[in-house]
mmCIF file of all heavy atoms, coordinates in Angstrom:
data_MODEL
# 
_entry.id   MODEL 
# 
loop_
_atom_site.group_PDB 
_atom_site.id 
_atom_site.type_symbol 
_atom_site.label_atom_id 
_atom_site.label_alt_id 
_atom_site.label_comp_id 
_atom_site.label_asym_id 
_atom_site.label_entity_id 
_atom_site.label_seq_id 
_atom_site.pdbx_PDB_ins_code 
_atom_site.Cartn_x 
_atom_site.Cartn_y 
_atom_site.Cartn_z 
_atom_site.occupancy 
_atom_site.B_iso_or_equiv 
_atom_site.pdbx_formal_charge 
_atom_site.auth_seq_id 
_atom_site.auth_comp_id 
_atom_site.auth_asym_id 
_atom_site.auth_atom_id 
_atom_site.pdbx_PDB_model_num 
ATOM 1   N N   . VAL A 1 1  ? 11.152  4.272   12.058  1.00 0.00 ? 1  VAL A N   1 
ATOM 2   C CA  . VAL A 1 1  ? 11.032  3.434   10.857  1.00 0.00 ? 1  VAL A CA  1 
ATOM 3   C C   . VAL A 1 1  ? 9.906   3.990   10.006  1.00 0.00 ? 1  VAL A C   1 
ATOM 4   O O   . VAL A 1 1  ? 8.812   4.271   10.507  1.00 0.00 ? 1  VAL A O   1 
ATOM 5   C CB  . VAL A 1 1  ? 10.736  1.960   11.224  1.00 0.00 ? 1  VAL A CB  1 
ATOM 6   C CG1 . VAL A 1 1  ? 10.458  1.141   9.965   1.00 0.00 ? 1  VAL A CG1 1 
ATOM 7   C CG2 . VAL A 1 1  ? 11.892  1.368   12.012  1.00 0.00 ? 1  VAL A CG2 1 
ATOM 8   N N   . LEU A 1 2  ? 10.161  4.161   8.713   1.00 0.00 ? 2  LEU A N   1 
ATOM 9   C CA  . LEU A 1 2  ? 9.149   4.620   7.771   1.00 0.00 ? 2  LEU A CA  1 
ATOM 10  C C   . LEU A 1 2  ? 9.081   3.644   6.599   1.00 0.00 ? 2  LEU A C   1 
ATOM 11  O O   . LEU A 1 2  ? 10.064  2.993   6.257   1.00 0.00 ? 2  LEU A O   1 
ATOM 12  C CB  . LEU A 1 2  ? 9.459   6.035   7.255   1.00 0.00 ? 2  LEU A CB  1 
ATOM 13  C CG  . LEU A 1 2  ? 9.437   7.170   8.279   1.00 0.00 ? 2  LEU A CG  1 
ATOM 14  C CD1 . LEU A 1 2  ? 9.794   8.484   7.609   1.00 0.00 ? 2  LEU A CD1 1 
ATOM 15  C CD2 . LEU A 1 2  ? 8.083   7.273   8.961   1.00 0.00 ? 2  LEU A CD2 1 
ATOM 16  N N   . GLY A 1 3  ? 7.903   3.587   5.979   1.00 0.00 ? 3  GLY A N   1 
ATOM 17  C CA  . GLY A 1 3  ? 7.740   2.695   4.837   1.00 0.00 ? 3  GLY A CA  1 
ATOM 18  C C   . GLY A 1 3  ? 6.355   2.818   4.251   1.00 0.00 ? 3  GLY A C   1 
ATOM 19  O O   . GLY A 1 3  ? 5.619   3.775   4.508   1.00 0.00 ? 3  GLY A O   1 
ATOM 20  N N   . GLY A 1 4  ? 5.995   1.825   3.454   1.00 0.00 ? 4  GLY A N   1 
ATOM 21  C CA  . GLY A 1 4  ? 4.695   1.873   2.801   1.00 0.00 ? 4  GLY A CA  1 
ATOM 22  C C   . GLY A 1 4  ? 4.293   0.525   2.239   1.00 0.00 ? 4  GLY A C   1 
ATOM 23  O O   . GLY A 1 4  ? 5.085   -0.430  2.193   1.00 0.00 ? 4  GLY A O   1 
ATOM 24  N N   . GLU A 1 5  ? 3.028   0.475   1.822   1.00 0.00 ? 5  GLU A N   1 
ATOM 25  C CA  . GLU A 1 5  ? 2.441   -0.730  1.231   1.00 0.00 ? 5  GLU A CA  1 
ATOM 26  C C   . GLU A 1 5  ? 1.682   -0.337  -0.028  1.00 0.00 ? 5  GLU A C   1 
ATOM 27  O O   . GLU A 1 5  ? 0.952   0.654   -0.040  1.00 0.00 ? 5  GLU A O   1 
ATOM 28  C CB  . GLU A 1 5  ? 1.504   -1.417  2.224   1.00 0.00 ? 5  GLU A CB  1 
ATOM 29  C CG  . GLU A 1 5  ? 0.743   -2.602  1.636   1.00 0.00 ? 5  GLU A CG  1 
ATOM 30  C CD  . GLU A 1 5  ? -0.357  -3.101  2.553   1.00 0.00 ? 5  GLU A CD  1 
ATOM 31  O OE1 . GLU A 1 5  ? -1.283  -2.301  2.842   1.00 0.00 ? 5  GLU A OE1 1 
ATOM 32  O OE2 . GLU A 1 5  ? -0.305  -4.262  2.979   1.00 0.00 ? 5  GLU A OE2 1 
ATOM 33  N N   . LEU A 1 6  ? 1.858   -1.113  -1.089  1.00 0.00 ? 6  LEU A N   1 
ATOM 34  C CA  . LEU A 1 6  ? 1.130   -0.913  -2.327  1.00 0.00 ? 6  LEU A CA  1 
ATOM 35  C C   . LEU A 1 6  ? 0.399   -2.196  -2.679  1.00 0.00 ? 6  LEU A C   1 
ATOM 36  O O   . LEU A 1 6  ? 1.015   -3.251  -2.838  1.00 0.00 ? 6  LEU A O   1 
ATOM 37  C CB  . LEU A 1 6  ? 2.084   -0.523  -3.461  1.00 0.00 ? 6  LEU A CB  1 
ATOM 38  C CG  . LEU A 1 6  ? 1.438   -0.368  -4.845  1.00 0.00 ? 6  LEU A CG  1 
ATOM 39  C CD1 . LEU A 1 6  ? 0.426   0.779   -4.829  1.00 0.00 ? 6  LEU A CD1 1 
ATOM 40  C CD2 . LEU A 1 6  ? 2.491   -0.150  -5.916  1.00 0.00 ? 6  LEU A CD2 1 
ATOM 41  N N   . VAL A 1 7  ? -0.924  -2.094  -2.772  1.00 0.00 ? 7  VAL A N   1 
ATOM 42  C CA  . VAL A 1 7  ? -1.763  -3.236  -3.151  1.00 0.00 ? 7  VAL A CA  1 
ATOM 43  C C   . VAL A 1 7  ? -2.334  -2.956  -4.537  1.00 0.00 ? 7  VAL A C   1 
ATOM 44  O O   . VAL A 1 7  ? -3.040  -1.954  -4.742  1.00 0.00 ? 7  VAL A O   1 
ATOM 45  C CB  . VAL A 1 7  ? -2.900  -3.461  -2.136  1.00 0.00 ? 7  VAL A CB  1 
ATOM 46  C CG1 . VAL A 1 7  ? -3.767  -4.635  -2.564  1.00 0.00 ? 7  VAL A CG1 1 
ATOM 47  C CG2 . VAL A 1 7  ? -2.333  -3.687  -0.735  1.00 0.00 ? 7  VAL A CG2 1 
ATOM 48  N N   . TYR A 1 8  ? -2.031  -3.824  -5.491  1.00 0.00 ? 8  TYR A N   1 
ATOM 49  C CA  . TYR A 1 8  ? -2.481  -3.653  -6.884  1.00 0.00 ? 8  TYR A CA  1 
ATOM 50  C C   . TYR A 1 8  ? -3.243  -4.900  -7.307  1.00 0.00 ? 8  TYR A C   1 
ATOM 51  O O   . TYR A 1 8  ? -2.787  -6.030  -7.072  1.00 0.00 ? 8  TYR A O   1 
ATOM 52  C CB  . TYR A 1 8  ? -1.283  -3.427  -7.799  1.00 0.00 ? 8  TYR A CB  1 
ATOM 53  C CG  . TYR A 1 8  ? -1.635  -3.439  -9.270  1.00 0.00 ? 8  TYR A CG  1 
ATOM 54  C CD1 . TYR A 1 8  ? -2.170  -2.314  -9.892  1.00 0.00 ? 8  TYR A CD1 1 
ATOM 55  C CD2 . TYR A 1 8  ? -1.433  -4.588  -10.040 1.00 0.00 ? 8  TYR A CD2 1 
ATOM 56  C CE1 . TYR A 1 8  ? -2.492  -2.327  -11.239 1.00 0.00 ? 8  TYR A CE1 1 
ATOM 57  C CE2 . TYR A 1 8  ? -1.750  -4.610  -11.386 1.00 0.00 ? 8  TYR A CE2 1 
ATOM 58  C CZ  . TYR A 1 8  ? -2.284  -3.477  -11.980 1.00 0.00 ? 8  TYR A CZ  1 
ATOM 59  O OH  . TYR A 1 8  ? -2.604  -3.500  -13.308 1.00 0.00 ? 8  TYR A OH  1 
ATOM 60  N N   . HIS A 1 9  ? -4.405  -4.699  -7.886  1.00 0.00 ? 9  HIS A N   1 
ATOM 61  C CA  . HIS A 1 9  ? -5.189  -5.833  -8.393  1.00 0.00 ? 9  HIS A CA  1 
ATOM 62  C C   . HIS A 1 9  ? -5.650  -5.526  -9.812  1.00 0.00 ? 9  HIS A C   1 
ATOM 63  O O   . HIS A 1 9  ? -5.960  -4.380  -10.152 1.00 0.00 ? 9  HIS A O   1 
ATOM 64  C CB  . HIS A 1 9  ? -6.392  -6.123  -7.486  1.00 0.00 ? 9  HIS A CB  1 
ATOM 65  C CG  . HIS A 1 9  ? -7.478  -5.093  -7.580  1.00 0.00 ? 9  HIS A CG  1 
ATOM 66  N ND1 . HIS A 1 9  ? -7.455  -3.907  -6.870  1.00 0.00 ? 9  HIS A ND1 1 
ATOM 67  C CD2 . HIS A 1 9  ? -8.630  -5.065  -8.302  1.00 0.00 ? 9  HIS A CD2 1 
ATOM 68  C CE1 . HIS A 1 9  ? -8.531  -3.203  -7.142  1.00 0.00 ? 9  HIS A CE1 1 
ATOM 69  N NE2 . HIS A 1 9  ? -9.260  -3.883  -8.013  1.00 0.00 ? 9  HIS A NE2 1 
ATOM 70  N N   . ARG A 1 10 ? -5.684  -6.573  -10.604 1.00 0.00 ? 10 ARG A N   1 
ATOM 71  C CA  . ARG A 1 10 ? -6.098  -6.434  -12.004 1.00 0.00 ? 10 ARG A CA  1 
ATOM 72  C C   . ARG A 1 10 ? -6.840  -7.685  -12.430 1.00 0.00 ? 10 ARG A C   1 
ATOM 73  O O   . ARG A 1 10 ? -6.409  -8.805  -12.153 1.00 0.00 ? 10 ARG A O   1 
ATOM 74  C CB  . ARG A 1 10 ? -4.886  -6.217  -12.915 1.00 0.00 ? 10 ARG A CB  1 
ATOM 75  C CG  . ARG A 1 10 ? -5.232  -6.177  -14.405 1.00 0.00 ? 10 ARG A CG  1 
ATOM 76  C CD  . ARG A 1 10 ? -3.989  -6.096  -15.261 1.00 0.00 ? 10 ARG A CD  1 
ATOM 77  N NE  . ARG A 1 10 ? -4.304  -6.179  -16.670 1.00 0.00 ? 10 ARG A NE  1 
ATOM 78  C CZ  . ARG A 1 10 ? -4.627  -5.152  -17.432 1.00 0.00 ? 10 ARG A CZ  1 
ATOM 79  N NH1 . ARG A 1 10 ? -4.643  -3.932  -16.922 1.00 0.00 ? 10 ARG A NH1 1 
ATOM 80  N NH2 . ARG A 1 10 ? -4.908  -5.302  -18.715 1.00 0.00 ? 10 ARG A NH2 1 
ATOM 81  N N   . ARG A 1 11 ? -7.962  -7.481  -13.094 1.00 0.00 ? 11 ARG A N   1 
ATOM 82  C CA  . ARG A 1 11 ? -8.719  -8.549  -13.726 1.00 0.00 ? 11 ARG A CA  1 
ATOM 83  C C   . ARG A 1 11 ? -9.493  -7.948  -14.873 1.00 0.00 ? 11 ARG A C   1 
ATOM 84  O O   . ARG A 1 11 ? -9.607  -6.714  -14.959 1.00 0.00 ? 11 ARG A O   1 
ATOM 85  C CB  . ARG A 1 11 ? -9.634  -9.237  -12.724 1.00 0.00 ? 11 ARG A CB  1 
ATOM 86  C CG  . ARG A 1 11 ? -10.700 -8.342  -12.115 1.00 0.00 ? 11 ARG A CG  1 
ATOM 87  C CD  . ARG A 1 11 ? -11.505 -9.121  -11.097 1.00 0.00 ? 11 ARG A CD  1 
ATOM 88  N NE  . ARG A 1 11 ? -12.563 -8.321  -10.498 1.00 0.00 ? 11 ARG A NE  1 
ATOM 89  C CZ  . ARG A 1 11 ? -13.381 -8.780  -9.560  1.00 0.00 ? 11 ARG A CZ  1 
ATOM 90  N NH1 . ARG A 1 11 ? -13.258 -10.028 -9.141  1.00 0.00 ? 11 ARG A NH1 1 
ATOM 91  N NH2 . ARG A 1 11 ? -14.312 -8.003  -9.054  1.00 0.00 ? 11 ARG A NH2 1 
ATOM 92  N N   . PRO A 1 12 ? -10.013 -8.755  -15.770 1.00 0.00 ? 12 PRO A N   1 
ATOM 93  C CA  . PRO A 1 12 ? -10.710 -8.194  -16.938 1.00 0.00 ? 12 PRO A CA  1 
ATOM 94  C C   . PRO A 1 12 ? -11.805 -7.214  -16.545 1.00 0.00 ? 12 PRO A C   1 
ATOM 95  O O   . PRO A 1 12 ? -12.719 -7.538  -15.789 1.00 0.00 ? 12 PRO A O   1 
ATOM 96  C CB  . PRO A 1 12 ? -11.301 -9.433  -17.628 1.00 0.00 ? 12 PRO A CB  1 
ATOM 97  C CG  . PRO A 1 12 ? -10.369 -10.548 -17.246 1.00 0.00 ? 12 PRO A CG  1 
ATOM 98  C CD  . PRO A 1 12 ? -9.923  -10.231 -15.853 1.00 0.00 ? 12 PRO A CD  1 
ATOM 99  N N   . GLY A 1 13 ? -11.650 -5.982  -17.017 1.00 0.00 ? 13 GLY A N   1 
ATOM 100 C CA  . GLY A 1 13 ? -12.638 -4.943  -16.756 1.00 0.00 ? 13 GLY A CA  1 
ATOM 101 C C   . GLY A 1 13 ? -12.460 -4.213  -15.446 1.00 0.00 ? 13 GLY A C   1 
ATOM 102 O O   . GLY A 1 13 ? -13.265 -3.320  -15.127 1.00 0.00 ? 13 GLY A O   1 
ATOM 103 N N   . GLU A 1 14 ? -11.426 -4.532  -14.684 1.00 0.00 ? 14 GLU A N   1 
ATOM 104 C CA  . GLU A 1 14 ? -11.240 -3.881  -13.385 1.00 0.00 ? 14 GLU A CA  1 
ATOM 105 C C   . GLU A 1 14 ? -9.754  -3.795  -13.061 1.00 0.00 ? 14 GLU A C   1 
ATOM 106 O O   . GLU A 1 14 ? -8.996  -4.734  -13.287 1.00 0.00 ? 14 GLU A O   1 
ATOM 107 C CB  . GLU A 1 14 ? -11.970 -4.639  -12.285 1.00 0.00 ? 14 GLU A CB  1 
ATOM 108 C CG  . GLU A 1 14 ? -11.890 -3.976  -10.919 1.00 0.00 ? 14 GLU A CG  1 
ATOM 109 C CD  . GLU A 1 14 ? -12.649 -4.749  -9.861  1.00 0.00 ? 14 GLU A CD  1 
ATOM 110 O OE1 . GLU A 1 14 ? -13.382 -5.695  -10.234 1.00 0.00 ? 14 GLU A OE1 1 
ATOM 111 O OE2 . GLU A 1 14 ? -12.506 -4.421  -8.674  1.00 0.00 ? 14 GLU A OE2 1 
ATOM 112 N N   . GLU A 1 15 ? -9.348  -2.646  -12.544 1.00 0.00 ? 15 GLU A N   1 
ATOM 113 C CA  . GLU A 1 15 ? -7.963  -2.435  -12.168 1.00 0.00 ? 15 GLU A CA  1 
ATOM 114 C C   . GLU A 1 15 ? -7.910  -1.327  -11.115 1.00 0.00 ? 15 GLU A C   1 
ATOM 115 O O   . GLU A 1 15 ? -8.641  -0.342  -11.187 1.00 0.00 ? 15 GLU A O   1 
ATOM 116 C CB  . GLU A 1 15 ? -7.108  -2.048  -13.378 1.00 0.00 ? 15 GLU A CB  1 
ATOM 117 C CG  . GLU A 1 15 ? -5.633  -1.865  -13.074 1.00 0.00 ? 15 GLU A CG  1 
ATOM 118 C CD  . GLU A 1 15 ? -4.840  -1.507  -14.326 1.00 0.00 ? 15 GLU A CD  1 
ATOM 119 O OE1 . GLU A 1 15 ? -5.495  -1.139  -15.337 1.00 0.00 ? 15 GLU A OE1 1 
ATOM 120 O OE2 . GLU A 1 15 ? -3.599  -1.583  -14.291 1.00 0.00 ? 15 GLU A OE2 1 
ATOM 121 N N   . GLY A 1 16 ? -7.063  -1.514  -10.105 1.00 0.00 ? 16 GLY A N   1 
ATOM 122 C CA  . GLY A 1 16 ? -6.981  -0.510  -9.054  1.00 0.00 ? 16 GLY A CA  1 
ATOM 123 C C   . GLY A 1 16 ? -5.774  -0.722  -8.174  1.00 0.00 ? 16 GLY A C   1 
ATOM 124 O O   . GLY A 1 16 ? -5.138  -1.783  -8.195  1.00 0.00 ? 16 GLY A O   1 
ATOM 125 N N   . ALA A 1 17 ? -5.446  0.305   -7.378  1.00 0.00 ? 17 ALA A N   1 
ATOM 126 C CA  . ALA A 1 17 ? -4.299  0.246   -6.476  1.00 0.00 ? 17 ALA A CA  1 
ATOM 127 C C   . ALA A 1 17 ? -4.601  1.060   -5.225  1.00 0.00 ? 17 ALA A C   1 
ATOM 128 O O   . ALA A 1 17 ? -5.315  2.062   -5.277  1.00 0.00 ? 17 ALA A O   1 
ATOM 129 C CB  . ALA A 1 17 ? -3.036  0.766   -7.158  1.00 0.00 ? 17 ALA A CB  1 
ATOM 130 N N   . ILE A 1 18 ? -4.058  0.610   -4.103  1.00 0.00 ? 18 ILE A N   1 
ATOM 131 C CA  . ILE A 1 18 ? -4.226  1.285   -2.817  1.00 0.00 ? 18 ILE A CA  1 
ATOM 132 C C   . ILE A 1 18 ? -2.844  1.471   -2.202  1.00 0.00 ? 18 ILE A C   1 
ATOM 133 O O   . ILE A 1 18 ? -2.082  0.508   -2.069  1.00 0.00 ? 18 ILE A O   1 
ATOM 134 C CB  . ILE A 1 18 ? -5.131  0.486   -1.859  1.00 0.00 ? 18 ILE A CB  1 
ATOM 135 C CG1 . ILE A 1 18 ? -6.523  0.309   -2.460  1.00 0.00 ? 18 ILE A CG1 1 
ATOM 136 C CG2 . ILE A 1 18 ? -5.221  1.178   -0.509  1.00 0.00 ? 18 ILE A CG2 1 
ATOM 137 C CD1 . ILE A 1 18 ? -7.445  -0.534  -1.603  1.00 0.00 ? 18 ILE A CD1 1 
ATOM 138 N N   . LEU A 1 19 ? -2.533  2.706   -1.830  1.00 0.00 ? 19 LEU A N   1 
ATOM 139 C CA  . LEU A 1 19 ? -1.242  3.028   -1.225  1.00 0.00 ? 19 LEU A CA  1 
ATOM 140 C C   . LEU A 1 19 ? -1.439  3.361   0.249   1.00 0.00 ? 19 LEU A C   1 
ATOM 141 O O   . LEU A 1 19 ? -2.332  4.131   0.612   1.00 0.00 ? 19 LEU A O   1 
ATOM 142 C CB  . LEU A 1 19 ? -0.587  4.208   -1.938  1.00 0.00 ? 19 LEU A CB  1 
ATOM 143 C CG  . LEU A 1 19 ? 0.743   4.701   -1.352  1.00 0.00 ? 19 LEU A CG  1 
ATOM 144 C CD1 . LEU A 1 19 ? 1.804   3.611   -1.454  1.00 0.00 ? 19 LEU A CD1 1 
ATOM 145 C CD2 . LEU A 1 19 ? 1.195   5.982   -2.039  1.00 0.00 ? 19 LEU A CD2 1 
ATOM 146 N N   . THR A 1 20 ? -0.613  2.773   1.083   1.00 0.00 ? 20 THR A N   1 
ATOM 147 C CA  . THR A 1 20 ? -0.661  3.016   2.522   1.00 0.00 ? 20 THR A CA  1 
ATOM 148 C C   . THR A 1 20 ? 0.731   3.386   3.012   1.00 0.00 ? 20 THR A C   1 
ATOM 149 O O   . THR A 1 20 ? 1.707   2.695   2.698   1.00 0.00 ? 20 THR A O   1 
ATOM 150 C CB  . THR A 1 20 ? -1.158  1.775   3.290   1.00 0.00 ? 20 THR A CB  1 
ATOM 151 O OG1 . THR A 1 20 ? -2.453  1.412   2.809   1.00 0.00 ? 20 THR A OG1 1 
ATOM 152 C CG2 . THR A 1 20 ? -1.239  2.047   4.774   1.00 0.00 ? 20 THR A CG2 1 
ATOM 153 N N   . LEU A 1 21 ? 0.818   4.465   3.772   1.00 0.00 ? 21 LEU A N   1 
ATOM 154 C CA  . LEU A 1 21 ? 2.073   4.898   4.371   1.00 0.00 ? 21 LEU A CA  1 
ATOM 155 C C   . LEU A 1 21 ? 2.109   4.450   5.830   1.00 0.00 ? 21 LEU A C   1 
ATOM 156 O O   . LEU A 1 21 ? 1.073   4.411   6.505   1.00 0.00 ? 21 LEU A O   1 
ATOM 157 C CB  . LEU A 1 21 ? 2.237   6.413   4.272   1.00 0.00 ? 21 LEU A CB  1 
ATOM 158 C CG  . LEU A 1 21 ? 2.203   6.993   2.861   1.00 0.00 ? 21 LEU A CG  1 
ATOM 159 C CD1 . LEU A 1 21 ? 2.359   8.507   2.910   1.00 0.00 ? 21 LEU A CD1 1 
ATOM 160 C CD2 . LEU A 1 21 ? 3.296   6.378   1.982   1.00 0.00 ? 21 LEU A CD2 1 
ATOM 161 N N   . ALA A 1 22 ? 3.309   4.117   6.316   1.00 0.00 ? 22 ALA A N   1 
ATOM 162 C CA  . ALA A 1 22 ? 3.433   3.588   7.674   1.00 0.00 ? 22 ALA A CA  1 
ATOM 163 C C   . ALA A 1 22 ? 4.645   4.193   8.358   1.00 0.00 ? 22 ALA A C   1 
ATOM 164 O O   . ALA A 1 22 ? 5.638   4.559   7.715   1.00 0.00 ? 22 ALA A O   1 
ATOM 165 C CB  . ALA A 1 22 ? 3.551   2.069   7.656   1.00 0.00 ? 22 ALA A CB  1 
ATOM 166 N N   . GLY A 1 23 ? 4.547   4.293   9.674   1.00 0.00 ? 23 GLY A N   1 
ATOM 167 C CA  . GLY A 1 23 ? 5.654   4.771   10.491  1.00 0.00 ? 23 GLY A CA  1 
ATOM 168 C C   . GLY A 1 23 ? 5.590   4.173   11.881  1.00 0.00 ? 23 GLY A C   1 
ATOM 169 O O   . GLY A 1 23 ? 4.505   3.904   12.403  1.00 0.00 ? 23 GLY A O   1 
ATOM 170 N N   . LYS A 1 24 ? 6.762   3.954   12.465  1.00 0.00 ? 24 LYS A N   1 
ATOM 171 C CA  . LYS A 1 24 ? 6.837   3.402   13.824  1.00 0.00 ? 24 LYS A CA  1 
ATOM 172 C C   . LYS A 1 24 ? 7.954   4.092   14.585  1.00 0.00 ? 24 LYS A C   1 
ATOM 173 O O   . LYS A 1 24 ? 9.062   4.267   14.074  1.00 0.00 ? 24 LYS A O   1 
ATOM 174 C CB  . LYS A 1 24 ? 7.083   1.896   13.800  1.00 0.00 ? 24 LYS A CB  1 
ATOM 175 C CG  . LYS A 1 24 ? 7.130   1.259   15.192  1.00 0.00 ? 24 LYS A CG  1 
ATOM 176 C CD  . LYS A 1 24 ? 7.278   -0.243  15.132  1.00 0.00 ? 24 LYS A CD  1 
ATOM 177 C CE  . LYS A 1 24 ? 8.688   -0.640  14.760  1.00 0.00 ? 24 LYS A CE  1 
ATOM 178 N NZ  . LYS A 1 24 ? 8.902   -2.102  14.908  1.00 0.00 ? 24 LYS A NZ  1 
ATOM 179 N N   . TYR A 1 25 ? 7.636   4.501   15.823  1.00 0.00 ? 25 TYR A N   1 
ATOM 180 C CA  . TYR A 1 25 ? 8.639   5.123   16.694  1.00 0.00 ? 25 TYR A CA  1 
ATOM 181 C C   . TYR A 1 25 ? 8.749   4.279   17.963  1.00 0.00 ? 25 TYR A C   1 
ATOM 182 O O   . TYR A 1 25 ? 7.744   4.020   18.629  1.00 0.00 ? 25 TYR A O   1 
ATOM 183 C CB  . TYR A 1 25 ? 8.253   6.560   17.055  1.00 0.00 ? 25 TYR A CB  1 
ATOM 184 C CG  . TYR A 1 25 ? 9.321   7.277   17.849  1.00 0.00 ? 25 TYR A CG  1 
ATOM 185 C CD1 . TYR A 1 25 ? 10.363  7.919   17.192  1.00 0.00 ? 25 TYR A CD1 1 
ATOM 186 C CD2 . TYR A 1 25 ? 9.293   7.302   19.237  1.00 0.00 ? 25 TYR A CD2 1 
ATOM 187 C CE1 . TYR A 1 25 ? 11.359  8.567   17.904  1.00 0.00 ? 25 TYR A CE1 1 
ATOM 188 C CE2 . TYR A 1 25 ? 10.280  7.944   19.965  1.00 0.00 ? 25 TYR A CE2 1 
ATOM 189 C CZ  . TYR A 1 25 ? 11.309  8.581   19.283  1.00 0.00 ? 25 TYR A CZ  1 
ATOM 190 O OH  . TYR A 1 25 ? 12.292  9.223   19.987  1.00 0.00 ? 25 TYR A OH  1 
ATOM 191 N N   . SER A 1 26 ? 9.968   3.860   18.276  1.00 0.00 ? 26 SER A N   1 
ATOM 192 C CA  . SER A 1 26 ? 10.207  2.978   19.419  1.00 0.00 ? 26 SER A CA  1 
ATOM 193 C C   . SER A 1 26 ? 11.017  3.714   20.468  1.00 0.00 ? 26 SER A C   1 
ATOM 194 O O   . SER A 1 26 ? 12.126  4.187   20.193  1.00 0.00 ? 26 SER A O   1 
ATOM 195 C CB  . SER A 1 26 ? 10.954  1.713   18.977  1.00 0.00 ? 26 SER A CB  1 
ATOM 196 O OG  . SER A 1 26 ? 10.245  1.024   17.973  1.00 0.00 ? 26 SER A OG  1 
ATOM 197 N N   . ALA A 1 27 ? 10.467  3.814   21.665  1.00 0.00 ? 27 ALA A N   1 
ATOM 198 C CA  . ALA A 1 27 ? 11.178  4.352   22.814  1.00 0.00 ? 27 ALA A CA  1 
ATOM 199 C C   . ALA A 1 27 ? 11.620  3.208   23.717  1.00 0.00 ? 27 ALA A C   1 
ATOM 200 O O   . ALA A 1 27 ? 11.522  2.037   23.349  1.00 0.00 ? 27 ALA A O   1 
ATOM 201 C CB  . ALA A 1 27 ? 10.296  5.348   23.564  1.00 0.00 ? 27 ALA A CB  1 
# 
Protein backbone atom coordinates (compact mmCIF):
# COMPACT_ATOMS: atom_id res chain seq x y z
CA VAL A 1 0.00 0.00 0.00
CA LEU A 2 1.33 3.44 -0.94
CA GLY A 3 -0.05 6.90 -0.29
CA GLY A 4 0.56 10.28 1.21
CA GLU A 5 -0.58 13.09 3.47
CA LEU A 6 -0.77 16.81 2.73
CA VAL A 7 -1.17 19.28 5.60
CA TYR A 8 -1.92 22.88 4.53
CA HIS A 9 -2.46 25.82 6.86
CA ARG A 10 -3.21 29.43 6.09
CA ARG A 11 -3.80 32.50 8.22
CA PRO A 12 -3.10 36.20 7.78
CA GLY A 13 0.62 36.62 7.20
CA GLU A 14 1.41 32.90 7.27
CA GLU A 15 0.99 30.01 4.86
CA GLY A 16 2.65 26.62 4.57
CA ALA A 17 2.31 22.96 3.61
CA ILE A 18 3.89 19.68 4.69
CA LEU A 19 3.95 16.59 2.48
CA THR A 20 4.43 13.10 3.89
CA LEU A 21 4.79 9.90 1.88
CA ALA A 22 3.71 6.56 3.34
CA GLY A 23 4.01 2.88 2.54
CA LYS A 24 2.98 -0.39 4.17
CA TYR A 25 3.97 -3.97 3.34
CA SER A 26 1.97 -6.81 4.89
CA ALA A 27 3.26 -10.37 5.06
